[in-house]
Protein backbone atom coordinates (compact mmCIF):
# COMPACT_ATOMS: atom_id res chain seq x y z
CA MET A 1 103.38 109.56 81.84
CA LEU A 2 101.19 112.66 81.91
CA MET A 3 103.85 115.25 82.54
CA SER A 4 107.11 115.68 84.41
CA ARG A 5 105.72 117.77 87.24
CA ALA A 6 103.29 116.61 89.91
CA LEU A 7 99.71 117.61 89.16
CA TRP A 8 98.51 118.08 92.72
CA VAL A 9 98.36 121.40 94.51
CA PRO A 10 97.59 120.56 98.15
CA ILE A 11 95.33 123.48 99.09
CA ALA A 12 93.55 123.62 95.75
CA ALA A 13 93.08 119.86 95.72
CA ALA A 14 91.59 119.86 99.19
CA THR A 15 89.19 122.66 98.27
CA VAL A 16 88.11 120.90 95.09
CA LEU A 17 87.55 117.60 96.85
CA VAL A 18 85.52 119.13 99.66
CA GLY A 19 83.28 120.87 97.15
CA VAL A 20 82.77 117.76 95.04
CA LEU A 21 82.21 115.33 97.90
CA LEU A 22 79.83 117.49 99.86
CA SER A 23 77.69 118.85 97.03
CA ALA A 24 77.32 115.96 94.60
CA PRO A 25 74.33 113.73 95.39
CA ALA A 26 74.44 112.21 91.90
CA PHE A 27 77.18 109.77 92.92
CA ALA A 28 77.04 107.72 89.71
CA GLN A 29 78.31 110.80 87.86
CA ALA A 30 80.62 112.08 90.57
CA HIS A 31 82.74 108.93 91.08
CA ILE A 32 84.36 106.54 88.59
CA ARG A 33 86.06 103.31 89.65
CA GLY A 34 88.18 101.12 87.39
CA THR A 35 91.61 100.24 85.98
CA LEU A 36 93.89 102.73 84.25
CA THR A 37 94.45 101.80 80.60
CA ALA A 38 96.19 104.97 79.35
CA ALA A 39 97.65 108.25 80.63
CA LYS A 40 98.88 110.92 78.25
CA ASP A 41 98.85 114.71 77.85
CA GLY A 42 96.58 115.40 80.80
CA THR A 43 94.03 112.76 79.86
CA ILE A 44 93.47 109.28 81.28
CA SER A 45 91.47 106.28 80.09
CA VAL A 46 89.83 103.92 82.55
CA GLN A 47 88.13 100.56 82.12
CA THR A 48 85.21 100.38 84.53
CA ALA A 49 83.87 97.32 86.31
CA LYS A 50 81.18 97.10 83.61
CA GLY A 51 83.88 96.69 80.96
CA GLU A 52 83.38 100.15 79.48
CA THR A 53 86.37 102.36 78.71
CA VAL A 54 85.98 106.05 79.47
CA THR A 55 88.38 108.87 78.63
CA ILE A 56 88.70 111.60 81.25
CA LYS A 57 90.45 114.96 81.15
CA LEU A 58 92.30 115.94 84.32
CA ALA A 59 91.69 119.44 85.64
CA ASN A 60 94.81 121.60 85.77
CA ASP A 61 94.66 121.55 89.57
CA ALA A 62 93.62 117.88 89.85
CA GLY A 63 94.75 116.19 93.05
CA LEU A 64 96.67 112.93 92.76
CA PHE A 65 96.68 110.60 95.77
CA LEU A 66 98.15 107.17 96.48
CA VAL A 67 96.78 104.43 98.73
CA THR A 68 99.06 101.71 100.06
CA LYS A 69 98.41 98.72 102.29
CA ALA A 70 98.24 99.31 106.03
CA ASP A 71 96.84 97.46 109.04
CA MET A 72 95.05 98.03 112.33
CA SER A 73 98.23 99.30 113.98
CA ALA A 74 97.96 102.45 111.82
CA ILE A 75 94.66 103.39 113.50
CA GLN A 76 95.77 105.53 116.42
CA SER A 77 94.37 108.36 118.52
CA GLY A 78 95.12 111.73 116.94
CA LYS A 79 95.15 110.43 113.38
CA PHE A 80 92.93 111.98 110.70
CA VAL A 81 91.05 109.23 108.89
CA GLY A 82 88.36 108.58 106.30
CA ILE A 83 85.94 105.73 107.10
CA THR A 84 83.20 104.21 104.98
CA SER A 85 80.61 102.65 107.27
CA PHE A 86 77.20 100.95 107.28
CA GLU A 87 74.47 100.83 109.90
CA GLN A 88 74.49 97.37 111.51
CA ASP A 89 72.62 96.27 114.64
CA GLY A 90 72.11 99.86 115.75
CA LYS A 91 75.73 100.96 115.35
CA ARG A 92 78.01 102.17 112.58
CA VAL A 93 80.47 99.51 111.37
CA ALA A 94 83.42 100.28 109.08
CA ARG A 95 84.04 98.57 105.79
CA GLU A 96 87.23 100.49 105.09
CA VAL A 97 89.58 102.95 106.78
CA HIS A 98 91.89 105.45 105.08
CA VAL A 99 94.62 106.79 107.35
CA PHE A 100 95.60 110.18 105.94
CA ASP A 101 99.11 111.56 105.90
CA GLU A 102 99.33 114.49 108.32
CA SER A 103 99.74 116.89 105.39
CA LEU A 104 96.17 115.99 104.33
CA ARG A 105 94.52 116.66 107.69
CA GLY A 106 91.09 118.22 107.14
CA LEU A 107 90.61 116.87 103.60
CA ALA A 108 86.85 116.57 102.88
CA GLU A 109 86.16 116.70 106.63
CA GLY A 110 82.65 115.73 107.71
CA HIS A 111 80.04 112.95 107.73
CA TYR A 112 78.03 112.49 104.53
CA PRO A 113 76.36 109.89 102.26
CA TRP A 114 78.65 107.74 100.11
CA ASP A 115 78.21 105.31 97.24
CA LEU A 116 80.40 102.28 98.00
CA GLU A 117 77.36 100.01 97.56
CA SER A 118 73.70 100.42 96.67
CA LYS A 119 72.59 100.15 100.29
CA PRO A 120 72.99 103.28 102.42
CA ASN A 121 76.53 103.98 103.59
CA MET A 122 78.40 107.00 104.90
CA MET A 123 81.85 108.52 104.60
CA THR A 124 83.30 110.07 107.75
CA ASN A 125 86.50 112.11 107.48
CA ALA A 126 87.47 113.05 111.01
CA ASN A 127 90.05 113.08 113.78
CA ILE A 128 90.30 110.06 116.07
CA SER A 129 89.81 111.37 119.59
CA LYS A 130 89.75 107.97 121.32
CA VAL A 131 90.41 104.31 120.51
CA GLU A 132 88.93 101.47 122.53
CA GLU A 133 89.54 97.76 122.06
CA VAL A 134 86.40 95.64 122.27
CA GLY A 135 87.35 92.00 121.76
CA THR A 136 89.20 91.88 118.45
CA ASP A 137 87.46 95.04 117.19
CA ARG A 138 88.34 98.67 117.76
CA VAL A 139 85.78 101.34 118.54
CA LEU A 140 86.70 104.86 117.46
CA MET A 141 85.37 108.13 118.79
CA LEU A 142 85.65 110.60 115.91
CA ASN A 143 85.37 114.39 115.90
CA TYR A 144 84.83 116.63 112.89
CA LYS A 145 83.60 120.18 112.40
CA GLY A 146 79.96 120.19 113.44
CA GLY A 147 79.69 116.74 114.93
CA GLU A 148 81.04 113.42 116.16
CA GLN A 149 80.57 109.73 115.44
CA THR A 150 81.36 106.40 117.08
CA ILE A 151 82.37 103.73 114.58
CA THR A 152 83.37 100.11 115.16
CA ILE A 153 86.33 98.81 113.14
CA PRO A 154 86.14 95.01 112.74
CA THR A 155 89.22 93.00 111.81
CA SER A 156 87.63 92.41 108.40
CA ALA A 157 87.83 96.13 107.51
CA THR A 158 90.30 97.16 104.81
CA VAL A 159 92.93 99.62 106.07
CA VAL A 160 95.08 101.75 103.77
CA ALA A 161 97.46 104.69 104.07
CA PHE A 162 96.45 107.75 102.02
CA ASP A 163 99.01 110.29 100.78
CA LYS A 164 99.77 112.68 97.91
CA ALA A 165 101.20 111.13 94.74
CA PRO A 166 103.49 112.31 91.93
CA ALA A 167 102.26 112.02 88.34
CA ASP A 168 104.44 108.97 87.62
CA GLN A 169 102.12 106.89 89.80
CA LEU A 170 99.52 107.10 87.01
CA ALA A 171 100.75 103.80 85.58
CA VAL A 172 98.75 101.60 83.22
CA GLY A 173 97.22 98.68 85.10
CA ARG A 174 96.79 100.53 88.38
CA MET A 175 93.32 100.58 89.92
CA VAL A 176 91.89 104.05 90.44
CA PHE A 177 89.03 105.96 92.06
CA ILE A 178 88.16 109.22 90.32
CA VAL A 179 86.28 112.18 91.73
CA MET A 180 84.70 114.23 88.95
CA LYS A 181 83.94 117.92 89.08
CA LYS A 182 80.31 118.84 89.74
CA ASP A 183 79.59 119.41 86.06
CA GLY A 184 81.24 116.11 85.10
CA SER A 185 83.59 117.82 82.63
CA GLU A 186 86.94 116.97 84.27
CA ALA A 187 88.50 114.91 87.03
CA ALA A 188 89.04 116.90 90.21
CA ALA A 189 91.06 114.13 91.84
CA VAL A 190 92.42 110.65 91.19
CA VAL A 191 93.12 108.16 93.98
CA ILE A 192 95.62 105.57 92.72
CA GLY A 193 96.12 102.13 94.20
CA ALA A 194 99.74 101.11 94.70
CA GLU A 195 100.64 98.02 92.68
CA GLY A 196 98.15 95.32 93.60
CA VAL A 197 96.04 97.62 95.79
CA LYS A 198 92.45 98.59 94.94
CA PRO A 199 91.42 101.98 96.34
CA PRO A 200 88.79 100.85 98.87
CA MET A 201 86.36 103.69 98.27
């Protein structure tokens, strides 16, 4: 365990994440995905998909977040969500949906390039203003500061709930998604998958 107190500070964490996500085009350095192999004294070790183990220092104000399994019923009008989407047949189609806890409304709000895969994809953090059912899919009208998007959510999309996490969730074996600070020196935030859950980011 890293320490007895939670490491996240909601306002500071949100500010850090917005800055990192919106001003870091070098995604390979900004994001690290892998499995937690150690957590001690404010430092974590992560084995990446390439089999490499990296040791990362957590910033003093690092945000810790937990994702847990959810389903399409969690996608409702008025919810604040994060959606990774791809352009497909002239429309945006979601690969994954993160339904934020209300306390995280506004976190990294906007529509910007993402790095889920090598082909172009976007992250949209926004409020759901309208939900329409089209066959088995759902079509969301999303509003964020400075714009709006319409994104289709197929039944194949991964849906998770996204909330703040205490430090004891940094357990060895958990899958994690790490947002590094702009200079790459420390982790600004760690998204932790609940047992058996891979952060779909």
